N, C-alpha and C. Protein backbone atom coordinates (compact mmCIF):
# COMPACT_ATOMS: atom_id res chain seq x y z
N UNK A 1 0.90 -1.17 0.20
CA UNK A 1 -0.09 0.07 -0.18
C UNK A 1 0.52 1.26 -0.10
N UNK A 2 1.81 1.41 0.68
CA UNK A 2 2.79 2.69 0.89
C UNK A 2 3.47 2.46 -0.41
N UNK A 3 3.83 1.20 -1.23
CA UNK A 3 4.45 1.42 -2.42
C UNK A 3 3.50 2.14 -3.44
N UNK A 4 2.33 1.98 -3.36
CA UNK A 4 1.55 2.77 -4.30
C UNK A 4 1.57 4.14 -4.00
N UNK A 5 1.46 4.78 -2.76
CA UNK A 5 1.52 5.93 -2.38
C UNK A 5 3.16 6.64 -2.80
N UNK A 6 4.03 5.94 -2.77
CA UNK A 6 5.44 6.22 -3.26
C UNK A 6 5.24 6.47 -4.49
N UNK A 7 4.80 5.48 -5.36
CA UNK A 7 4.92 5.55 -6.89
C UNK A 7 4.07 6.78 -7.41
N UNK A 8 3.11 7.00 -6.62
CA UNK A 8 1.83 8.06 -7.00
C UNK A 8 2.53 9.27 -7.00
N UNK A 9 3.49 9.64 -5.51
CA UNK A 9 4.09 10.68 -5.23
C UNK A 9 5.05 10.93 -6.30
N UNK A 10 5.74 9.96 -6.51
CA UNK A 10 6.85 10.11 -7.57
C UNK A 10 6.36 10.53 -9.14
N UNK A 11 5.08 10.00 -9.26
CA UNK A 11 4.70 10.37 -10.75
C UNK A 11 4.39 11.74 -10.60
N UNK A 12 3.65 12.35 -9.49
CA UNK A 12 3.07 13.73 -9.26
C UNK A 12 4.38 14.96 -9.58
N UNK A 13 5.45 14.31 -9.00
CA UNK A 13 6.75 14.77 -8.70
C UNK A 13 7.27 15.33 -10.25
N UNK A 14 7.34 14.13 -11.02
CA UNK A 14 7.67 13.96 -12.31
C UNK A 14 7.19 14.93 -13.07
N UNK A 15 5.78 14.87 -13.00
CA UNK A 15 4.80 15.60 -13.81
C UNK A 15 5.22 17.02 -13.52
N UNK A 16 5.00 17.47 -12.18
CA UNK A 16 5.42 18.86 -11.66
C UNK A 16 6.53 19.29 -12.18
N UNK A 17 7.71 18.60 -12.03
CA UNK A 17 9.10 18.89 -12.63
C UNK A 17 9.31 19.32 -13.91
N UNK A 18 8.51 18.35 -15.06
CA UNK A 18 8.45 18.56 -16.25
C UNK A 18 7.88 19.77 -16.73
N UNK A 19 6.78 20.35 -16.03
CA UNK A 19 5.99 21.38 -16.27
C UNK A 19 6.73 22.78 -15.83
N UNK A 20 7.40 22.52 -14.92
CA UNK A 20 8.07 23.92 -14.22
C UNK A 20 9.35 24.60 -15.48
N UNK A 21 10.25 23.40 -15.81
CA UNK A 21 11.12 24.26 -16.92
C UNK A 21 10.33 24.93 -17.77
N UNK A 22 9.27 24.28 -18.61
CA UNK A 22 8.44 25.16 -19.73
C UNK A 22 7.79 26.26 -19.38
N UNK A 23 7.59 26.38 -18.14
CA UNK A 23 7.06 27.81 -17.44
C UNK A 23 8.15 28.68 -17.02
N UNK A 24 9.25 28.29 -16.91
CA UNK A 24 10.28 29.36 -16.41
C UNK A 24 11.25 29.60 -17.65
N UNK A 25 11.45 28.73 -18.66
CA UNK A 25 12.15 29.06 -19.61
C UNK A 25 11.30 29.69 -21.12
N UNK A 26 9.98 29.87 -20.90
CA UNK A 26 9.13 30.30 -21.79
C UNK A 26 9.34 32.00 -22.07
N UNK A 27 10.09 32.60 -22.91
CA UNK A 27 10.68 33.97 -22.91
C UNK A 27 9.56 34.57 -24.36
N UNK A 28 8.57 33.96 -24.80
CA UNK A 28 7.88 34.79 -25.83
C UNK A 28 7.26 36.04 -25.55
N UNK A 29 7.68 36.87 -26.32
CA UNK A 29 6.96 38.04 -26.02
C UNK A 29 5.31 38.36 -25.72
N UNK A 30 4.89 39.02 -25.17
CA UNK A 30 3.60 38.85 -24.87
C UNK A 30 2.69 39.41 -26.39
N UNK A 31 1.72 38.87 -26.62
CA UNK A 31 0.75 39.53 -27.74
C UNK A 31 0.19 41.15 -27.65
N UNK A 32 0.32 41.40 -26.42
CA UNK A 32 -0.44 42.60 -26.31
C UNK A 32 0.65 43.56 -25.69
N UNK A 33 0.65 44.78 -26.22
CA UNK A 33 1.67 45.74 -25.84
C UNK A 33 0.93 46.70 -25.52
N UNK A 34 1.41 47.68 -24.22
CA UNK A 34 0.50 48.86 -23.87
C UNK A 34 1.43 49.95 -24.72
N UNK A 35 0.93 50.88 -25.33
CA UNK A 35 1.22 51.74 -26.24
C UNK A 35 1.81 51.27 -27.70
N UNK A 36 1.61 50.20 -28.02
CA UNK A 36 1.86 49.61 -29.11
C UNK A 36 3.16 49.26 -29.42
N UNK A 37 3.43 48.00 -30.63
CA UNK A 37 4.60 47.50 -30.43
C UNK A 37 5.56 48.28 -30.74
N UNK A 38 6.99 47.94 -30.19
CA UNK A 38 8.22 48.52 -30.05
C UNK A 38 8.55 49.00 -31.31
N UNK A 39 8.14 48.28 -32.73
CA UNK A 39 8.75 48.47 -34.24
C UNK A 39 8.26 50.04 -34.43
N UNK A 40 7.09 50.23 -33.83
CA UNK A 40 6.43 51.53 -34.63
C UNK A 40 7.43 52.87 -34.16
N UNK A 41 8.02 52.90 -32.86
CA UNK A 41 8.81 53.97 -32.55
C UNK A 41 10.06 54.24 -33.57
N UNK A 42 10.74 53.04 -34.37
CA UNK A 42 11.69 53.09 -35.25
C UNK A 42 11.29 53.05 -36.36
N UNK A 43 10.07 53.26 -36.71
CA UNK A 43 9.43 53.58 -38.08
C UNK A 43 9.56 55.18 -38.73
N UNK A 44 10.02 55.13 -39.79
CA UNK A 44 10.25 56.57 -40.39
C UNK A 44 9.03 56.73 -41.26
N UNK A 45 8.66 58.68 -40.56
CA UNK A 45 7.41 59.05 -41.36
C UNK A 45 7.70 58.97 -42.88
N UNK A 46 6.54 58.77 -43.75
CA UNK A 46 6.68 58.97 -44.97
C UNK A 46 6.13 60.22 -45.62
N UNK A 47 5.60 61.12 -44.65
CA UNK A 47 5.21 62.44 -45.19
C UNK A 47 5.36 63.25 -44.14
N UNK A 48 5.22 64.64 -44.27
CA UNK A 48 5.09 65.57 -43.23
C UNK A 48 3.71 66.41 -43.38
N UNK A 49 3.73 66.94 -42.00
CA UNK A 49 2.73 68.14 -42.23
C UNK A 49 2.76 69.62 -41.64
N UNK A 50 2.22 70.63 -42.22
CA UNK A 50 2.35 71.82 -41.68
C UNK A 50 1.26 72.73 -41.33
N UNK A 51 1.24 73.15 -40.16
CA UNK A 51 0.11 73.68 -39.25
C UNK A 51 0.60 74.98 -38.93
N UNK A 52 -0.36 75.68 -38.70
CA UNK A 52 0.02 77.03 -37.91
C UNK A 52 -1.02 78.10 -38.13
N UNK A 53 -0.92 79.20 -37.86
CA UNK A 53 -2.02 80.64 -37.55
C UNK A 53 -1.77 81.42 -38.27
N UNK A 54 -2.64 82.27 -38.70
CA UNK A 54 -2.44 83.37 -39.69
C UNK A 54 -3.17 84.57 -38.45
N UNK A 55 -2.15 85.76 -38.39
CA UNK A 55 -2.46 86.75 -37.32
C UNK A 55 -2.36 88.07 -38.13
N UNK A 56 -2.86 89.04 -37.50
CA UNK A 56 -2.74 90.18 -37.95
C UNK A 56 -1.31 90.92 -37.38
N UNK A 57 -1.28 92.07 -37.33
CA UNK A 57 0.06 92.97 -37.09
C UNK A 57 -0.04 93.20 -35.55
N UNK A 58 -1.31 92.62 -35.11
CA UNK A 58 -1.25 92.97 -33.49
C UNK A 58 -0.99 91.55 -32.65
N UNK A 59 -1.10 90.35 -33.56
CA UNK A 59 -0.96 89.11 -33.29
C UNK A 59 -2.33 88.19 -32.94
N UNK A 60 -3.54 89.20 -33.45
CA UNK A 60 -4.90 88.49 -33.31
C UNK A 60 -5.08 87.63 -34.33
N UNK A 61 -5.45 86.34 -33.99
CA UNK A 61 -5.68 85.13 -35.24
C UNK A 61 -6.90 85.76 -36.17
N UNK A 62 -7.01 85.43 -37.37
CA UNK A 62 -7.71 86.16 -38.59
C UNK A 62 -8.52 84.72 -39.14
N UNK A 63 -9.89 84.90 -38.99
CA UNK A 63 -10.79 83.99 -39.56
C UNK A 63 -10.84 84.28 -40.98
N UNK A 64 -10.89 83.25 -42.08
CA UNK A 64 -11.26 83.46 -43.24
C UNK A 64 -10.23 84.26 -43.90
N UNK A 65 -8.79 84.07 -43.58
CA UNK A 65 -7.43 84.16 -44.25
C UNK A 65 -7.54 83.00 -45.33
N UNK A 66 -6.91 83.49 -46.57
CA UNK A 66 -6.76 82.50 -47.54
C UNK A 66 -5.03 81.99 -47.27
N UNK A 67 -5.05 80.64 -47.09
CA UNK A 67 -3.26 80.41 -46.79
C UNK A 67 -3.40 79.33 -48.30
N UNK A 68 -2.07 79.79 -49.04
CA UNK A 68 -1.67 79.07 -50.01
C UNK A 68 -0.48 78.39 -49.88
N UNK A 69 -0.46 77.11 -50.02
CA UNK A 69 0.79 76.22 -50.19
C UNK A 69 1.28 76.10 -51.71
N UNK A 70 2.68 76.35 -52.06
CA UNK A 70 2.87 76.11 -53.34
C UNK A 70 3.97 75.07 -53.44
N UNK A 71 3.76 74.04 -54.19
CA UNK A 71 4.61 73.07 -54.55
C UNK A 71 5.51 73.67 -55.73
N UNK A 72 6.96 73.87 -55.04
CA UNK A 72 7.70 74.30 -55.90
C UNK A 72 8.45 73.62 -57.14
N UNK A 73 7.94 72.11 -56.93
CA UNK A 73 8.65 71.25 -58.29
C UNK A 73 7.43 71.58 -59.36
N UNK A 74 6.33 71.27 -58.75
CA UNK A 74 5.13 71.23 -60.08
C UNK A 74 4.47 72.59 -60.27
N UNK A 75 4.78 73.51 -59.19
CA UNK A 75 3.91 74.96 -59.17
C UNK A 75 2.48 74.78 -58.74
N UNK A 76 2.04 73.39 -58.19
CA UNK A 76 0.56 73.16 -58.06
C UNK A 76 0.34 74.08 -56.75
N UNK A 77 -0.75 74.56 -56.63
CA UNK A 77 -1.46 75.61 -55.41
C UNK A 77 -2.53 74.65 -54.74
N UNK A 78 -2.03 74.65 -53.42
CA UNK A 78 -2.95 74.36 -52.47
C UNK A 78 -3.88 75.23 -51.69
N UNK A 79 -4.61 75.37 -51.32
CA UNK A 79 -5.21 76.57 -50.52
C UNK A 79 -6.23 76.27 -49.62
N UNK A 80 -6.11 76.76 -48.35
CA UNK A 80 -7.04 76.65 -46.94
C UNK A 80 -7.27 77.56 -46.40
N UNK A 81 -8.81 77.86 -46.10
CA UNK A 81 -9.23 79.04 -45.52
C UNK A 81 -9.43 78.93 -44.05
N UNK A 82 -8.58 79.91 -43.28
CA UNK A 82 -8.44 79.62 -41.85
C UNK A 82 -10.24 79.65 -41.26
N UNK A 83 -9.82 79.15 -39.88
CA UNK A 83 -11.26 78.65 -39.21
C UNK A 83 -11.04 80.08 -38.21
N UNK A 84 -11.91 79.95 -37.15
CA UNK A 84 -12.21 81.37 -36.15
C UNK A 84 -11.09 81.53 -35.56
N UNK A 85 -10.27 80.56 -35.18
CA UNK A 85 -9.22 80.39 -34.33
C UNK A 85 -7.72 80.95 -35.19
N UNK A 86 -8.02 81.29 -36.81
CA UNK A 86 -7.01 81.67 -37.61
C UNK A 86 -6.09 80.47 -37.82
N UNK A 87 -6.43 79.17 -37.43
CA UNK A 87 -5.65 77.96 -37.70
C UNK A 87 -5.69 77.18 -39.08
N UNK A 88 -4.57 76.85 -39.76
CA UNK A 88 -4.82 76.22 -41.04
C UNK A 88 -3.91 74.96 -40.78
N UNK A 89 -3.88 73.98 -41.85
CA UNK A 89 -2.81 72.92 -41.62
C UNK A 89 -3.08 72.20 -43.22
N UNK A 90 -2.04 71.57 -43.66
CA UNK A 90 -1.51 71.01 -44.82
C UNK A 90 -0.99 69.56 -44.58
N UNK A 91 -1.68 68.45 -44.83
CA UNK A 91 -1.04 67.00 -44.33
C UNK A 91 -0.45 66.47 -45.60
N UNK A 92 -0.04 65.41 -45.72
CA UNK A 92 0.56 64.35 -46.42
C UNK A 92 1.76 65.44 -47.28
N UNK A 93 2.42 66.03 -46.82
CA UNK A 93 3.43 66.78 -47.84
C UNK A 93 4.75 66.06 -48.03
N UNK A 94 5.41 65.75 -49.07
CA UNK A 94 6.70 65.09 -49.29
C UNK A 94 7.62 65.49 -48.69
N UNK A 95 8.47 64.65 -48.21
CA UNK A 95 9.93 65.07 -48.05
C UNK A 95 10.83 65.79 -48.71
N UNK A 96 10.77 65.26 -50.19
CA UNK A 96 11.28 65.43 -51.54
C UNK A 96 11.04 66.55 -52.16
N UNK A 97 10.15 67.40 -51.68
CA UNK A 97 9.79 68.87 -52.37
C UNK A 97 9.78 70.06 -51.53
N UNK A 98 10.32 70.99 -52.21
CA UNK A 98 10.28 72.41 -51.50
C UNK A 98 8.97 72.97 -51.60
N UNK A 99 8.38 73.80 -50.56
CA UNK A 99 7.21 74.28 -50.53
C UNK A 99 7.30 75.98 -50.10
N UNK A 100 6.62 76.77 -50.49
CA UNK A 100 6.39 77.66 -50.01
C UNK A 100 4.74 78.14 -49.30
N UNK A 101 4.71 79.13 -48.36
CA UNK A 101 3.51 79.06 -47.99
C UNK A 101 3.14 80.52 -47.53
N UNK A 102 2.24 81.16 -47.70
CA UNK A 102 1.60 82.31 -47.54
C UNK A 102 0.24 82.81 -47.32
N UNK A 103 -0.10 83.85 -46.79
CA UNK A 103 -1.30 84.02 -46.24
C UNK A 103 -1.76 85.35 -47.03
N UNK A 104 -3.00 85.39 -47.27
CA UNK A 104 -3.50 86.75 -47.66
C UNK A 104 -5.12 86.85 -46.86
N UNK A 105 -5.32 88.39 -46.50
CA UNK A 105 -6.79 88.42 -45.63
C UNK A 105 -6.98 90.01 -46.19
N UNK A 106 -8.02 90.09 -47.00
CA UNK A 106 -8.36 91.11 -47.49
C UNK A 106 -7.41 91.68 -48.64
N UNK A 107 -6.75 92.56 -48.39
CA UNK A 107 -5.86 93.46 -49.18
C UNK A 107 -4.59 93.15 -48.74
N UNK A 108 -4.35 92.60 -47.55
CA UNK A 108 -3.05 92.32 -46.58
C UNK A 108 -2.45 91.04 -46.86
N UNK A 109 -1.31 91.07 -46.99
CA UNK A 109 -0.47 89.62 -47.55
C UNK A 109 0.65 89.41 -46.55
N UNK A 110 0.80 88.02 -46.17
CA UNK A 110 2.28 88.02 -45.38
C UNK A 110 3.38 87.63 -46.32
N UNK A 111 4.49 87.57 -45.59
CA UNK A 111 5.58 87.24 -46.49
C UNK A 111 5.60 85.74 -47.02
N UNK A 112 6.18 85.25 -48.01
CA UNK A 112 6.32 83.91 -48.36
C UNK A 112 7.20 83.11 -47.30
N UNK A 113 6.83 82.15 -46.54
CA UNK A 113 7.52 81.32 -45.69
C UNK A 113 8.13 79.92 -46.59
N UNK A 114 9.26 79.61 -46.58
CA UNK A 114 9.95 78.18 -47.56
C UNK A 114 9.78 77.12 -46.63
N UNK A 115 9.60 75.80 -47.05
CA UNK A 115 9.72 74.93 -46.40
C UNK A 115 10.62 73.84 -47.22
N UNK A 116 11.63 73.73 -46.78
CA UNK A 116 13.03 73.25 -47.50
C UNK A 116 12.84 71.41 -47.25
N UNK A 117 12.94 70.74 -48.58
CA UNK A 117 13.08 69.39 -48.71
C UNK A 117 14.23 68.78 -47.90
N UNK A 118 15.21 69.83 -47.21
CA UNK A 118 16.28 69.48 -46.56
C UNK A 118 15.97 69.55 -45.24
N UNK A 119 14.87 69.65 -44.66
CA UNK A 119 14.60 69.98 -43.28
C UNK A 119 13.73 68.51 -42.96
N UNK A 120 13.97 67.99 -42.37
CA UNK A 120 13.29 66.53 -42.34
C UNK A 120 12.41 66.51 -40.92
N UNK A 121 12.04 67.75 -40.55
CA UNK A 121 10.79 67.87 -39.66
C UNK A 121 9.48 67.33 -40.05
N UNK A 122 8.83 66.01 -39.07
CA UNK A 122 7.64 65.68 -39.58
C UNK A 122 6.44 66.65 -39.45
N UNK A 123 6.25 67.09 -38.33
CA UNK A 123 5.24 68.28 -38.27
C UNK A 123 5.74 69.84 -38.02
N UNK A 124 5.80 70.54 -38.71
CA UNK A 124 6.08 71.96 -39.11
C UNK A 124 5.20 72.82 -38.67
N UNK A 125 5.53 73.81 -37.99
CA UNK A 125 4.55 75.10 -37.50
C UNK A 125 5.12 76.39 -38.33
N UNK A 126 4.29 77.19 -38.74
CA UNK A 126 4.55 78.43 -39.40
C UNK A 126 3.71 79.24 -38.96
N UNK A 127 3.67 80.48 -38.10
CA UNK A 127 2.82 81.44 -38.14
C UNK A 127 3.10 82.61 -39.07
N UNK A 128 1.81 82.77 -39.80
CA UNK A 128 2.05 83.94 -41.04
C UNK A 128 1.32 85.29 -40.29
N UNK A 129 2.00 86.18 -40.44
CA UNK A 129 1.56 87.79 -40.05
C UNK A 129 1.55 88.45 -41.36
N UNK A 130 0.12 88.74 -41.37
CA UNK A 130 -0.20 89.72 -42.70
C UNK A 130 -0.21 91.24 -42.29
N UNK A 131 0.23 91.81 -43.32
CA UNK A 131 0.36 93.44 -42.91
C UNK A 131 -0.27 94.01 -44.01
N UNK A 132 0.42 95.28 -44.06
CA UNK A 132 -0.23 96.28 -45.15
C UNK A 132 0.05 95.75 -46.26
N UNK A 133 -0.68 96.01 -47.51
CA UNK A 133 -0.37 95.42 -48.83
C UNK A 133 0.91 95.72 -49.30
N UNK A 134 1.85 95.28 -50.23
CA UNK A 134 3.18 95.61 -50.54
C UNK A 134 2.58 96.33 -51.67
N UNK A 135 3.19 97.62 -51.80
CA UNK A 135 3.67 98.64 -52.92
C UNK A 135 4.50 98.27 -53.88
N UNK A 136 3.75 98.79 -54.94
CA UNK A 136 4.39 98.28 -56.15
C UNK A 136 5.84 98.50 -56.47
N UNK A 137 6.98 97.79 -56.85
CA UNK A 137 8.20 98.16 -56.85
C UNK A 137 8.47 99.33 -57.37
N UNK A 138 7.78 99.68 -58.64
CA UNK A 138 8.01 100.98 -59.27
C UNK A 138 7.66 101.79 -58.77
N UNK A 139 6.73 102.00 -57.96
CA UNK A 139 6.26 102.99 -56.83
C UNK A 139 7.07 103.53 -55.82
N UNK A 140 7.67 102.41 -55.72
CA UNK A 140 8.80 102.43 -54.42
C UNK A 140 10.09 103.46 -54.76
N UNK A 141 10.43 103.05 -56.23
CA UNK A 141 11.72 103.60 -56.61
C UNK A 141 11.16 105.05 -57.07
N UNK A 142 10.26 105.27 -57.51
CA UNK A 142 9.82 106.81 -57.89
C UNK A 142 9.76 107.62 -56.70
N UNK A 143 9.20 107.07 -55.41
CA UNK A 143 8.85 107.71 -53.98
C UNK A 143 10.40 108.06 -53.56
N UNK A 144 11.23 107.05 -53.62
CA UNK A 144 12.78 107.18 -53.37
C UNK A 144 13.34 107.99 -53.94
N UNK A 145 13.05 108.19 -55.32
CA UNK A 145 13.95 109.26 -56.36
C UNK A 145 13.46 110.57 -56.21
N UNK A 146 12.16 110.97 -55.56
CA UNK A 146 11.63 112.01 -55.44
C UNK A 146 10.39 112.58 -56.64
N UNK A 147 10.10 111.28 -57.35
CA UNK A 147 9.28 111.70 -58.49
C UNK A 147 7.96 111.11 -57.94
N UNK A 148 6.91 111.24 -58.52
CA UNK A 148 5.63 110.60 -58.28
C UNK A 148 5.01 110.26 -59.76
N UNK A 149 4.16 109.30 -59.68
CA UNK A 149 3.60 108.95 -60.75
C UNK A 149 1.86 109.48 -61.10
């Protein structure tokens, strides 16, 4: 009778000993990650975005300003009309193309701002300040020379 108990105890110990190494040496990575898989952090962006605000000369955001993005490679223009807070955004911009962005509000215009293909910033921000309308270059020369048209 006691032999059966010893055999049973040895069998239980063998089964337990056989399971423990499998549990200890199981080094598989879990299928669930908090914050996503690790590979995503090393993944390079395939496009960039441009966001910003159009403001007047006092810094007040302008609703209804027309923001134009010029693709310098194809000369294609994309426009965006600012919302109440003066914000605009352009997504899916190429890293291999130069761009130029400017804003117009009524008769006022901002200076054009360039986005270089050599700048690999993924999310760029540009504040565009509109000012008084630019005078014609001929008028400037005449005023500087003392004559008027």
